[in-house]
Structures are given as C-alpha cells and as structure tokens.
Amino acid sequence: MGTYYKHTKTETVDVPYSFRCEQCMQDSGTLKATITGGRAEVNTNFKELNDKNQQKLDEMAHTYLVKEVKKTYTNVTEKQIYSKAFKDKCPHCQKPQSWAISGVKNDMFSTPIVCIIIGIILGVGCYFFTGVENNLMIAIAVAGICFVLAIGSLIVNIIKLQTKKTQTSASVQQNTPVIDWGEIQDLLNEK
C-alpha cells in the first residue's frame, strides 16, 4: 500500500477600503480586507512536489482566488452584499456599521445547511453500514443531533443579525465603504 502526501495552497489578496462611521462620523482611515481563495490540493506519492505538480497547485490556488475576488466584487457592486472580510467595526468608537448587515444575512443559512447535510449523510451511513441490531435508532439519533445543531446555529445567527440591527438602528446616516478595486484590477480582468 502506497503512501500519499497531500499538498495544499491558498492565495490571499488585500483590498484597501475605508468608511465614514455612521455613529461618530469619523473616517476609518485605510483598512485592509483580506480575500482568501479556496484551498487548492494535489495528492502525490512524494513528499516534495515536482515542477509540473507545483505549477498545477499554483494555478489551482490562483484560479480559486480569482473566482473568490470576482464573487466578492459582484456581491458588492451588484447586490450590495459585503463579505465578512470587510470589517465594519469603527476604529474610533468600536460601533458596527449598517452596511455589514448584508454579509451577516448572506451567511445566515450556510452552517445550518451544512449541519443538515452532514446529519443526513451520517444517518444514512449509520443505518446501512453499522452491524448493530438497533441501527435505525442510532441513525435517527445521529441525524437528530445534527438537526438540533442546525437549529441552534440558525438561532445563533438570527440573534447575531438582530443584535447588529439593533446596534446600527441609531445611525444618523447610512454610509457604504469606499473600496479601492483598482488594487486588484488585474485579478478582476482575468478570465
């Protein structure tokens, strides 16, 4: 039986942005949002990658970064959804900004959906692949635990959203961040 080595790489890019605080009206100054691409992975029999596999890994990581940058750009410019990479805490008064609510709403269902999918997979796996006499009960229990975790995660996300809405409701005016997309224009131009 051979040994396999997993080689991974992720690429990141910093996007400068700034905003005028909706609470204290001070300028945040230049901040950096770090956008991270998906994790590229190459499996080989060797501890060290040869040039061909290294180039493949580098290209995959770069492709994932370009995809994430374009997704973030589209979300901001077309949908006004700001990812969590754009921190909304004012450096002066430490208060959140209303424009960040869209990012919380956008990510609200991701963890509960993952929990439900894992629950279904584990439940089916326990039912069909355990040699236990009460495998149906075990499958239901495992799936049930995952469903409870999904509901708990959803409740936590709803509480976070309501808290952020409450904290930003007293805003004098609603501003949006100024993002310098020119710094990553080369990535946006790639096909």
N, C-alpha and C. Protein backbone atom coordinates (compact mmCIF):
# COMPACT_ATOMS: atom_id res chain seq x y z
N MET A 1 0.86 -1.18 0.00
CA MET A 1 0.00 0.00 0.00
C MET A 1 0.90 1.23 0.00
N GLY A 2 0.65 2.17 -0.90
CA GLY A 2 1.49 3.35 -1.05
C GLY A 2 1.14 4.44 -0.05
N THR A 3 2.08 5.33 0.09
CA THR A 3 1.86 6.49 0.95
C THR A 3 1.54 7.69 0.07
N TYR A 4 0.52 8.43 0.48
CA TYR A 4 0.13 9.63 -0.26
C TYR A 4 0.38 10.86 0.59
N TYR A 5 0.83 11.89 -0.07
CA TYR A 5 1.05 13.17 0.60
C TYR A 5 0.10 14.20 0.01
N LYS A 6 -0.53 14.93 0.90
CA LYS A 6 -1.45 15.97 0.47
C LYS A 6 -0.71 17.30 0.49
N HIS A 7 -0.67 17.98 -0.65
CA HIS A 7 -0.03 19.28 -0.76
C HIS A 7 -1.14 20.31 -0.99
N THR A 8 -1.19 21.33 -0.15
CA THR A 8 -2.26 22.33 -0.26
C THR A 8 -1.66 23.73 -0.37
N LYS A 9 -2.46 24.62 -0.93
CA LYS A 9 -2.04 26.02 -1.04
C LYS A 9 -3.28 26.90 -1.15
N THR A 10 -3.24 28.03 -0.48
CA THR A 10 -4.28 29.05 -0.63
C THR A 10 -3.60 30.38 -0.93
N GLU A 11 -4.25 31.18 -1.73
CA GLU A 11 -3.75 32.51 -2.03
C GLU A 11 -4.69 33.54 -1.44
N THR A 12 -4.12 34.66 -1.03
CA THR A 12 -4.92 35.76 -0.49
C THR A 12 -4.51 37.05 -1.16
N VAL A 13 -5.39 38.03 -1.07
CA VAL A 13 -5.08 39.37 -1.57
C VAL A 13 -5.75 40.37 -0.63
N ASP A 14 -5.07 41.48 -0.39
CA ASP A 14 -5.62 42.54 0.44
C ASP A 14 -6.26 43.60 -0.43
N VAL A 15 -7.47 44.00 -0.05
CA VAL A 15 -8.20 45.04 -0.76
C VAL A 15 -8.34 46.23 0.19
N PRO A 16 -7.79 47.40 -0.18
CA PRO A 16 -7.93 48.56 0.70
C PRO A 16 -9.35 49.14 0.63
N TYR A 17 -9.85 49.57 1.77
CA TYR A 17 -11.16 50.20 1.84
C TYR A 17 -11.19 51.14 3.04
N SER A 18 -12.17 52.00 3.04
CA SER A 18 -12.37 52.90 4.17
C SER A 18 -13.86 53.21 4.26
N PHE A 19 -14.27 53.76 5.39
CA PHE A 19 -15.67 54.15 5.53
C PHE A 19 -15.78 55.28 6.54
N ARG A 20 -16.86 56.04 6.41
CA ARG A 20 -17.17 57.08 7.40
C ARG A 20 -18.15 56.44 8.37
N CYS A 21 -17.79 56.46 9.65
CA CYS A 21 -18.59 55.81 10.68
C CYS A 21 -19.99 56.44 10.74
N GLU A 22 -20.99 55.59 10.80
CA GLU A 22 -22.37 56.05 10.88
C GLU A 22 -22.73 56.55 12.28
N GLN A 23 -21.92 56.22 13.26
CA GLN A 23 -22.21 56.61 14.63
C GLN A 23 -21.45 57.89 15.03
N CYS A 24 -20.13 57.87 14.88
CA CYS A 24 -19.31 59.01 15.34
C CYS A 24 -18.89 59.93 14.20
N MET A 25 -19.20 59.55 12.94
CA MET A 25 -18.92 60.34 11.74
C MET A 25 -17.44 60.55 11.45
N GLN A 26 -16.56 59.78 12.05
CA GLN A 26 -15.13 59.90 11.76
C GLN A 26 -14.75 58.95 10.63
N ASP A 27 -13.72 59.33 9.90
CA ASP A 27 -13.21 58.49 8.82
C ASP A 27 -12.39 57.36 9.44
N SER A 28 -12.59 56.15 8.93
CA SER A 28 -11.89 54.99 9.48
C SER A 28 -10.41 54.97 9.12
N GLY A 29 -10.04 55.70 8.08
CA GLY A 29 -8.69 55.56 7.56
C GLY A 29 -8.64 54.32 6.68
N THR A 30 -7.52 54.06 6.07
CA THR A 30 -7.40 52.92 5.16
C THR A 30 -7.32 51.62 5.95
N LEU A 31 -8.22 50.71 5.64
CA LEU A 31 -8.25 49.38 6.23
C LEU A 31 -8.01 48.36 5.12
N LYS A 32 -7.71 47.13 5.49
CA LYS A 32 -7.45 46.08 4.50
C LYS A 32 -8.42 44.92 4.73
N ALA A 33 -9.11 44.54 3.66
CA ALA A 33 -9.94 43.34 3.68
C ALA A 33 -9.13 42.24 2.99
N THR A 34 -8.96 41.14 3.66
CA THR A 34 -8.19 40.03 3.09
C THR A 34 -9.16 39.02 2.48
N ILE A 35 -9.09 38.89 1.16
CA ILE A 35 -9.92 37.93 0.45
C ILE A 35 -9.08 36.67 0.23
N THR A 36 -9.63 35.54 0.63
CA THR A 36 -8.91 34.27 0.55
C THR A 36 -9.61 33.35 -0.44
N GLY A 37 -8.84 32.82 -1.36
CA GLY A 37 -9.38 31.86 -2.32
C GLY A 37 -9.54 30.50 -1.68
N GLY A 38 -10.19 29.61 -2.38
CA GLY A 38 -10.36 28.24 -1.88
C GLY A 38 -9.02 27.52 -1.79
N ARG A 39 -9.01 26.45 -1.04
CA ARG A 39 -7.78 25.69 -0.83
C ARG A 39 -7.56 24.73 -2.00
N ALA A 40 -6.45 24.91 -2.69
CA ALA A 40 -6.07 24.00 -3.77
C ALA A 40 -5.35 22.80 -3.17
N GLU A 41 -5.53 21.65 -3.79
CA GLU A 41 -4.95 20.44 -3.22
C GLU A 41 -4.46 19.52 -4.34
N VAL A 42 -3.27 18.99 -4.14
CA VAL A 42 -2.71 17.99 -5.05
C VAL A 42 -2.18 16.84 -4.19
N ASN A 43 -2.58 15.62 -4.53
CA ASN A 43 -2.11 14.44 -3.81
C ASN A 43 -1.07 13.72 -4.67
N THR A 44 0.05 13.40 -4.06
CA THR A 44 1.11 12.67 -4.78
C THR A 44 1.70 11.60 -3.88
N ASN A 45 2.57 10.80 -4.47
CA ASN A 45 3.28 9.78 -3.70
C ASN A 45 4.56 10.33 -3.08
N PHE A 46 4.87 11.56 -3.35
CA PHE A 46 6.15 12.13 -2.93
C PHE A 46 5.96 13.27 -1.94
N LYS A 47 6.92 13.40 -1.03
CA LYS A 47 6.89 14.48 -0.04
C LYS A 47 7.07 15.84 -0.70
N GLU A 48 7.91 15.90 -1.70
CA GLU A 48 8.18 17.14 -2.43
C GLU A 48 7.49 17.08 -3.78
N LEU A 49 6.91 18.19 -4.18
CA LEU A 49 6.26 18.26 -5.49
C LEU A 49 7.28 18.48 -6.59
N ASN A 50 7.06 17.82 -7.73
CA ASN A 50 7.90 18.12 -8.89
C ASN A 50 7.40 19.42 -9.51
N ASP A 51 8.12 19.94 -10.48
CA ASP A 51 7.78 21.24 -11.07
C ASP A 51 6.38 21.25 -11.69
N LYS A 52 6.02 20.16 -12.36
CA LYS A 52 4.71 20.09 -13.02
C LYS A 52 3.57 20.15 -12.00
N ASN A 53 3.68 19.36 -10.93
CA ASN A 53 2.64 19.36 -9.89
C ASN A 53 2.63 20.67 -9.10
N GLN A 54 3.80 21.27 -8.89
CA GLN A 54 3.85 22.56 -8.19
C GLN A 54 3.15 23.63 -9.03
N GLN A 55 3.39 23.60 -10.34
CA GLN A 55 2.75 24.56 -11.23
C GLN A 55 1.23 24.35 -11.23
N LYS A 56 0.80 23.10 -11.23
CA LYS A 56 -0.63 22.77 -11.18
C LYS A 56 -1.26 23.30 -9.89
N LEU A 57 -0.58 23.09 -8.76
CA LEU A 57 -1.07 23.57 -7.47
C LEU A 57 -1.16 25.09 -7.45
N ASP A 58 -0.11 25.75 -7.96
CA ASP A 58 -0.10 27.22 -8.00
C ASP A 58 -1.24 27.76 -8.87
N GLU A 59 -1.46 27.13 -10.03
CA GLU A 59 -2.52 27.57 -10.93
C GLU A 59 -3.90 27.37 -10.32
N MET A 60 -4.09 26.25 -9.65
CA MET A 60 -5.38 26.00 -9.00
C MET A 60 -5.64 27.02 -7.90
N ALA A 61 -4.64 27.29 -7.07
CA ALA A 61 -4.80 28.27 -5.99
C ALA A 61 -5.11 29.65 -6.55
N HIS A 62 -4.42 30.02 -7.62
CA HIS A 62 -4.66 31.32 -8.24
C HIS A 62 -6.07 31.39 -8.84
N THR A 63 -6.50 30.33 -9.48
CA THR A 63 -7.85 30.27 -10.06
C THR A 63 -8.91 30.43 -8.98
N TYR A 64 -8.72 29.76 -7.85
CA TYR A 64 -9.68 29.87 -6.74
C TYR A 64 -9.71 31.29 -6.18
N LEU A 65 -8.55 31.94 -6.11
CA LEU A 65 -8.51 33.31 -5.62
C LEU A 65 -9.25 34.24 -6.59
N VAL A 66 -8.99 34.11 -7.88
CA VAL A 66 -9.67 34.94 -8.88
C VAL A 66 -11.18 34.76 -8.78
N LYS A 67 -11.61 33.52 -8.63
CA LYS A 67 -13.05 33.23 -8.50
C LYS A 67 -13.64 33.92 -7.28
N GLU A 68 -12.94 33.86 -6.15
CA GLU A 68 -13.45 34.49 -4.92
C GLU A 68 -13.44 36.01 -5.03
N VAL A 69 -12.42 36.57 -5.65
CA VAL A 69 -12.35 38.03 -5.84
C VAL A 69 -13.51 38.50 -6.71
N LYS A 70 -13.76 37.79 -7.80
CA LYS A 70 -14.86 38.16 -8.69
C LYS A 70 -16.22 38.01 -8.00
N LYS A 71 -16.37 36.97 -7.19
CA LYS A 71 -17.62 36.78 -6.44
C LYS A 71 -17.82 37.93 -5.45
N THR A 72 -16.76 38.28 -4.74
CA THR A 72 -16.85 39.38 -3.77
C THR A 72 -17.17 40.69 -4.48
N TYR A 73 -16.51 40.94 -5.59
CA TYR A 73 -16.74 42.17 -6.37
C TYR A 73 -18.19 42.24 -6.85
N THR A 74 -18.69 41.14 -7.41
CA THR A 74 -20.08 41.10 -7.89
C THR A 74 -21.07 41.31 -6.75
N ASN A 75 -20.82 40.65 -5.62
CA ASN A 75 -21.72 40.82 -4.47
C ASN A 75 -21.77 42.27 -4.01
N VAL A 76 -20.62 42.94 -3.98
CA VAL A 76 -20.58 44.32 -3.50
C VAL A 76 -21.19 45.27 -4.52
N THR A 77 -20.77 45.16 -5.77
CA THR A 77 -21.19 46.16 -6.76
C THR A 77 -22.61 45.96 -7.27
N GLU A 78 -23.07 44.72 -7.36
CA GLU A 78 -24.39 44.47 -7.92
C GLU A 78 -25.45 44.19 -6.87
N LYS A 79 -25.07 43.59 -5.75
CA LYS A 79 -26.05 43.17 -4.75
C LYS A 79 -25.94 43.93 -3.42
N GLN A 80 -24.90 44.73 -3.27
CA GLN A 80 -24.62 45.45 -2.02
C GLN A 80 -24.52 44.49 -0.83
N ILE A 81 -23.85 43.34 -1.06
CA ILE A 81 -23.57 42.37 0.00
C ILE A 81 -22.08 42.43 0.27
N TYR A 82 -21.73 42.83 1.49
CA TYR A 82 -20.32 42.98 1.88
C TYR A 82 -19.90 41.75 2.68
N SER A 83 -18.86 41.07 2.21
CA SER A 83 -18.40 39.86 2.90
C SER A 83 -17.82 40.24 4.26
N LYS A 84 -17.65 39.22 5.07
CA LYS A 84 -17.10 39.45 6.42
C LYS A 84 -15.64 39.89 6.39
N ALA A 85 -15.01 39.80 5.22
CA ALA A 85 -13.63 40.29 5.09
C ALA A 85 -13.57 41.80 5.30
N PHE A 86 -14.66 42.49 4.99
CA PHE A 86 -14.74 43.94 5.21
C PHE A 86 -15.25 44.18 6.63
N LYS A 87 -14.31 44.40 7.53
CA LYS A 87 -14.66 44.60 8.94
C LYS A 87 -15.38 45.93 9.10
N ASP A 88 -16.47 45.91 9.85
CA ASP A 88 -17.31 47.10 9.97
C ASP A 88 -17.17 47.80 11.32
N LYS A 89 -16.29 47.34 12.16
CA LYS A 89 -16.10 47.95 13.48
C LYS A 89 -15.31 49.24 13.33
N CYS A 90 -15.88 50.34 13.78
CA CYS A 90 -15.21 51.63 13.68
C CYS A 90 -13.96 51.63 14.56
N PRO A 91 -12.81 52.05 14.01
CA PRO A 91 -11.59 52.07 14.81
C PRO A 91 -11.62 53.12 15.92
N HIS A 92 -12.56 54.06 15.86
CA HIS A 92 -12.64 55.13 16.86
C HIS A 92 -13.64 54.82 17.97
N CYS A 93 -14.89 54.50 17.59
CA CYS A 93 -15.93 54.29 18.61
C CYS A 93 -16.28 52.82 18.79
N GLN A 94 -15.70 51.93 17.98
CA GLN A 94 -15.88 50.48 18.07
C GLN A 94 -17.32 50.02 17.74
N LYS A 95 -18.11 50.87 17.10
CA LYS A 95 -19.51 50.51 16.77
C LYS A 95 -19.58 49.90 15.38
N PRO A 96 -20.54 48.97 15.17
CA PRO A 96 -20.71 48.36 13.85
C PRO A 96 -21.43 49.30 12.88
N GLN A 97 -21.37 48.97 11.60
CA GLN A 97 -21.98 49.78 10.55
C GLN A 97 -23.13 49.00 9.91
N SER A 98 -24.14 49.72 9.45
CA SER A 98 -25.33 49.07 8.89
C SER A 98 -25.05 48.32 7.59
N TRP A 99 -24.04 48.74 6.83
CA TRP A 99 -23.76 48.07 5.56
C TRP A 99 -23.30 46.62 5.75
N ALA A 100 -22.82 46.27 6.92
CA ALA A 100 -22.33 44.91 7.17
C ALA A 100 -23.45 43.91 7.45
N ILE A 101 -24.66 44.41 7.65
CA ILE A 101 -25.79 43.51 7.91
C ILE A 101 -26.01 42.57 6.73
N SER A 102 -25.77 43.07 5.53
CA SER A 102 -25.97 42.23 4.33
C SER A 102 -25.07 41.00 4.35
N GLY A 103 -23.86 41.12 4.85
CA GLY A 103 -22.95 39.97 4.93
C GLY A 103 -23.42 38.94 5.93
N VAL A 104 -23.97 39.42 7.05
CA VAL A 104 -24.49 38.50 8.06
C VAL A 104 -25.71 37.76 7.51
N LYS A 105 -26.59 38.49 6.81
CA LYS A 105 -27.76 37.85 6.19
C LYS A 105 -27.34 36.82 5.15
N ASN A 106 -26.33 37.15 4.37
CA ASN A 106 -25.87 36.26 3.30
C ASN A 106 -25.33 34.94 3.85
N ASP A 107 -24.69 34.96 5.00
CA ASP A 107 -24.10 33.75 5.58
C ASP A 107 -25.00 33.06 6.61
N MET A 108 -26.22 33.54 6.78
CA MET A 108 -27.07 33.05 7.86
C MET A 108 -27.38 31.56 7.75
N PHE A 109 -27.59 31.06 6.55
CA PHE A 109 -28.05 29.67 6.41
C PHE A 109 -26.94 28.69 6.05
N SER A 110 -25.71 29.15 5.84
CA SER A 110 -24.66 28.25 5.38
C SER A 110 -24.33 27.16 6.40
N THR A 111 -24.12 27.50 7.65
CA THR A 111 -23.79 26.49 8.67
C THR A 111 -24.97 25.55 8.94
N PRO A 112 -26.20 26.06 9.09
CA PRO A 112 -27.31 25.12 9.29
C PRO A 112 -27.49 24.13 8.13
N ILE A 113 -27.31 24.59 6.90
CA ILE A 113 -27.45 23.69 5.75
C ILE A 113 -26.37 22.61 5.79
N VAL A 114 -25.14 22.99 6.12
CA VAL A 114 -24.06 22.00 6.23
C VAL A 114 -24.39 20.98 7.32
N CYS A 115 -24.90 21.44 8.46
CA CYS A 115 -25.26 20.52 9.55
C CYS A 115 -26.34 19.54 9.10
N ILE A 116 -27.33 20.02 8.36
CA ILE A 116 -28.41 19.14 7.90
C ILE A 116 -27.87 18.10 6.92
N ILE A 117 -27.02 18.53 5.99
CA ILE A 117 -26.45 17.59 5.02
C ILE A 117 -25.60 16.54 5.72
N ILE A 118 -24.78 16.97 6.65
CA ILE A 118 -23.96 16.01 7.41
C ILE A 118 -24.85 15.06 8.20
N GLY A 119 -25.92 15.58 8.79
CA GLY A 119 -26.86 14.72 9.53
C GLY A 119 -27.48 13.65 8.66
N ILE A 120 -27.88 14.04 7.45
CA ILE A 120 -28.47 13.07 6.53
C ILE A 120 -27.45 12.01 6.13
N ILE A 121 -26.24 12.45 5.79
CA ILE A 121 -25.20 11.50 5.39
C ILE A 121 -24.84 10.56 6.53
N LEU A 122 -24.65 11.11 7.73
CA LEU A 122 -24.32 10.24 8.87
C LEU A 122 -25.47 9.31 9.23
N GLY A 123 -26.70 9.81 9.16
CA GLY A 123 -27.86 8.98 9.47
C GLY A 123 -27.98 7.81 8.51
N VAL A 124 -27.86 8.09 7.20
CA VAL A 124 -27.93 7.03 6.20
C VAL A 124 -26.75 6.06 6.38
N GLY A 125 -25.57 6.62 6.63
CA GLY A 125 -24.40 5.77 6.84
C GLY A 125 -24.57 4.85 8.04
N CYS A 126 -25.09 5.40 9.14
CA CYS A 126 -25.30 4.57 10.33
C CYS A 126 -26.35 3.48 10.07
N TYR A 127 -27.37 3.83 9.31
CA TYR A 127 -28.43 2.85 9.05
C TYR A 127 -27.94 1.68 8.19
N PHE A 128 -27.19 2.00 7.13
CA PHE A 128 -26.80 0.95 6.20
C PHE A 128 -25.48 0.27 6.53
N PHE A 129 -24.60 0.94 7.27
CA PHE A 129 -23.25 0.40 7.42
C PHE A 129 -22.87 0.01 8.84
N THR A 130 -23.79 0.03 9.76
CA THR A 130 -23.47 -0.46 11.10
C THR A 130 -24.07 -1.85 11.25
N GLY A 131 -23.37 -2.69 11.92
CA GLY A 131 -23.86 -4.06 12.13
C GLY A 131 -24.63 -4.18 13.43
N VAL A 132 -25.09 -3.07 13.95
CA VAL A 132 -25.79 -3.06 15.23
C VAL A 132 -27.25 -3.44 15.02
N GLU A 133 -27.83 -4.05 16.01
CA GLU A 133 -29.21 -4.51 15.93
C GLU A 133 -30.20 -3.34 15.79
N ASN A 134 -29.98 -2.28 16.52
CA ASN A 134 -30.89 -1.12 16.51
C ASN A 134 -30.32 -0.01 15.63
N ASN A 135 -29.91 -0.35 14.43
CA ASN A 135 -29.26 0.66 13.59
C ASN A 135 -30.21 1.79 13.18
N LEU A 136 -31.52 1.55 13.10
CA LEU A 136 -32.46 2.61 12.77
C LEU A 136 -32.49 3.66 13.88
N MET A 137 -32.48 3.22 15.12
CA MET A 137 -32.50 4.14 16.26
C MET A 137 -31.20 4.96 16.31
N ILE A 138 -30.09 4.32 16.05
CA ILE A 138 -28.81 5.02 16.04
C ILE A 138 -28.78 6.05 14.92
N ALA A 139 -29.27 5.67 13.74
CA ALA A 139 -29.31 6.59 12.60
C ALA A 139 -30.18 7.80 12.91
N ILE A 140 -31.34 7.57 13.51
CA ILE A 140 -32.24 8.68 13.86
C ILE A 140 -31.59 9.57 14.92
N ALA A 141 -30.91 8.97 15.88
CA ALA A 141 -30.26 9.76 16.94
C ALA A 141 -29.15 10.63 16.36
N VAL A 142 -28.32 10.05 15.51
CA VAL A 142 -27.21 10.81 14.91
C VAL A 142 -27.75 11.94 14.04
N ALA A 143 -28.73 11.64 13.19
CA ALA A 143 -29.33 12.67 12.34
C ALA A 143 -30.02 13.73 13.20
N GLY A 144 -30.67 13.30 14.25
CA GLY A 144 -31.36 14.24 15.15
C GLY A 144 -30.40 15.21 15.81
N ILE A 145 -29.25 14.71 16.24
CA ILE A 145 -28.24 15.59 16.85
C ILE A 145 -27.79 16.65 15.85
N CYS A 146 -27.56 16.24 14.61
CA CYS A 146 -27.14 17.20 13.58
C CYS A 146 -28.24 18.22 13.30
N PHE A 147 -29.49 17.78 13.29
CA PHE A 147 -30.60 18.72 13.06
C PHE A 147 -30.72 19.72 14.22
N VAL A 148 -30.52 19.25 15.44
CA VAL A 148 -30.54 20.16 16.60
C VAL A 148 -29.41 21.17 16.49
N LEU A 149 -28.22 20.71 16.07
CA LEU A 149 -27.11 21.64 15.86
C LEU A 149 -27.43 22.67 14.78
N ALA A 150 -28.12 22.24 13.72
CA ALA A 150 -28.52 23.16 12.65
C ALA A 150 -29.48 24.22 13.18
N ILE A 151 -30.45 23.80 13.96
CA ILE A 151 -31.42 24.74 14.54
C ILE A 151 -30.71 25.69 15.49
N GLY A 152 -29.81 25.15 16.32
CA GLY A 152 -29.05 26.00 17.23
C GLY A 152 -28.21 27.03 16.50
N SER A 153 -27.56 26.59 15.42
CA SER A 153 -26.75 27.50 14.62
C SER A 153 -27.61 28.59 13.99
N LEU A 154 -28.78 28.22 13.50
CA LEU A 154 -29.68 29.20 12.91
C LEU A 154 -30.15 30.22 13.95
N ILE A 155 -30.45 29.75 15.15
CA ILE A 155 -30.88 30.66 16.22
C ILE A 155 -29.75 31.63 16.58
N VAL A 156 -28.53 31.12 16.68
CA VAL A 156 -27.38 31.98 16.97
C VAL A 156 -27.21 33.04 15.88
N ASN A 157 -27.34 32.63 14.61
CA ASN A 157 -27.21 33.57 13.50
C ASN A 157 -28.31 34.63 13.52
N ILE A 158 -29.53 34.23 13.87
CA ILE A 158 -30.63 35.18 13.97
C ILE A 158 -30.36 36.18 15.08
N ILE A 159 -29.85 35.71 16.19
CA ILE A 159 -29.52 36.60 17.32
C ILE A 159 -28.42 37.58 16.91
N LYS A 160 -27.39 37.10 16.20
CA LYS A 160 -26.32 37.98 15.73
C LYS A 160 -26.88 39.06 14.81
N LEU A 161 -27.77 38.66 13.91
CA LEU A 161 -28.37 39.61 12.96
C LEU A 161 -29.20 40.66 13.70
N GLN A 162 -30.02 40.21 14.63
CA GLN A 162 -30.86 41.16 15.38
C GLN A 162 -30.01 42.10 16.24
N THR A 163 -28.95 41.58 16.83
CA THR A 163 -28.05 42.42 17.63
C THR A 163 -27.40 43.49 16.78
N LYS A 164 -26.92 43.10 15.60
CA LYS A 164 -26.29 44.07 14.70
C LYS A 164 -27.29 45.10 14.22
N LYS A 165 -28.52 44.65 13.93
CA LYS A 165 -29.56 45.60 13.51
C LYS A 165 -29.87 46.59 14.62
N THR A 166 -29.95 46.11 15.85
CA THR A 166 -30.23 46.98 16.99
C THR A 166 -29.10 47.98 17.20
N GLN A 167 -27.85 47.51 17.09
CA GLN A 167 -26.71 48.38 17.30
C GLN A 167 -26.59 49.46 16.24
N THR A 168 -27.05 49.17 15.03
CA THR A 168 -26.92 50.14 13.95
C THR A 168 -28.18 50.96 13.71
N SER A 169 -29.24 50.66 14.43
CA SER A 169 -30.51 51.35 14.19
C SER A 169 -30.47 52.83 14.58
N ALA A 170 -29.58 53.21 15.48
CA ALA A 170 -29.49 54.60 15.91
C ALA A 170 -28.57 55.43 15.02
N SER A 171 -28.21 54.89 13.87
CA SER A 171 -27.30 55.60 12.97
C SER A 171 -27.91 56.91 12.50
N VAL A 172 -27.07 57.94 12.48
CA VAL A 172 -27.51 59.23 11.99
C VAL A 172 -27.75 59.15 10.49
N GLN A 173 -26.84 58.52 9.78
CA GLN A 173 -26.99 58.32 8.34
C GLN A 173 -26.37 56.99 7.97
N GLN A 174 -26.78 56.48 6.82
CA GLN A 174 -26.23 55.20 6.39
C GLN A 174 -25.21 55.45 5.29
N ASN A 175 -24.00 54.99 5.53
CA ASN A 175 -22.90 55.13 4.58
C ASN A 175 -22.51 53.76 4.06
N THR A 176 -21.76 53.75 2.99
CA THR A 176 -21.19 52.50 2.49
C THR A 176 -19.68 52.68 2.41
N PRO A 177 -18.94 51.60 2.48
CA PRO A 177 -17.49 51.73 2.41
C PRO A 177 -17.02 52.11 1.00
N VAL A 178 -15.89 52.76 0.95
CA VAL A 178 -15.24 53.09 -0.32
C VAL A 178 -14.14 52.05 -0.51
N ILE A 179 -14.30 51.23 -1.55
CA ILE A 179 -13.38 50.12 -1.78
C ILE A 179 -12.52 50.45 -3.00
N ASP A 180 -11.21 50.28 -2.84
CA ASP A 180 -10.28 50.56 -3.93
C ASP A 180 -10.06 49.27 -4.74
N TRP A 181 -10.95 49.03 -5.70
CA TRP A 181 -10.86 47.83 -6.53
C TRP A 181 -9.68 47.91 -7.49
N GLY A 182 -9.13 49.09 -7.70
CA GLY A 182 -8.00 49.25 -8.60
C GLY A 182 -6.79 48.44 -8.18
N GLU A 183 -6.64 48.21 -6.88
CA GLU A 183 -5.51 47.43 -6.37
C GLU A 183 -5.53 45.98 -6.87
N ILE A 184 -6.72 45.48 -7.19
CA ILE A 184 -6.83 44.08 -7.63
C ILE A 184 -7.45 43.99 -9.03
N GLN A 185 -7.37 45.07 -9.78
CA GLN A 185 -7.97 45.10 -11.11
C GLN A 185 -7.43 43.99 -12.02
N ASP A 186 -6.16 43.65 -11.88
CA ASP A 186 -5.58 42.58 -12.70
C ASP A 186 -6.29 41.25 -12.44
N LEU A 187 -6.66 40.98 -11.18
CA LEU A 187 -7.40 39.76 -10.88
C LEU A 187 -8.81 39.81 -11.43
N LEU A 188 -9.44 40.97 -11.37
CA LEU A 188 -10.80 41.12 -11.89
C LEU A 188 -10.83 40.98 -13.41
N ASN A 189 -9.74 41.34 -14.08
CA ASN A 189 -9.69 41.27 -15.53
C ASN A 189 -9.40 39.86 -16.06
N GLU A 190 -8.92 38.98 -15.20
CA GLU A 190 -8.60 37.61 -15.65
C GLU A 190 -9.86 36.85 -16.02
N LYS A 191 -9.70 35.93 -16.97
CA LYS A 191 -10.86 35.11 -17.39
C LYS A 191 -10.78 33.72 -16.86
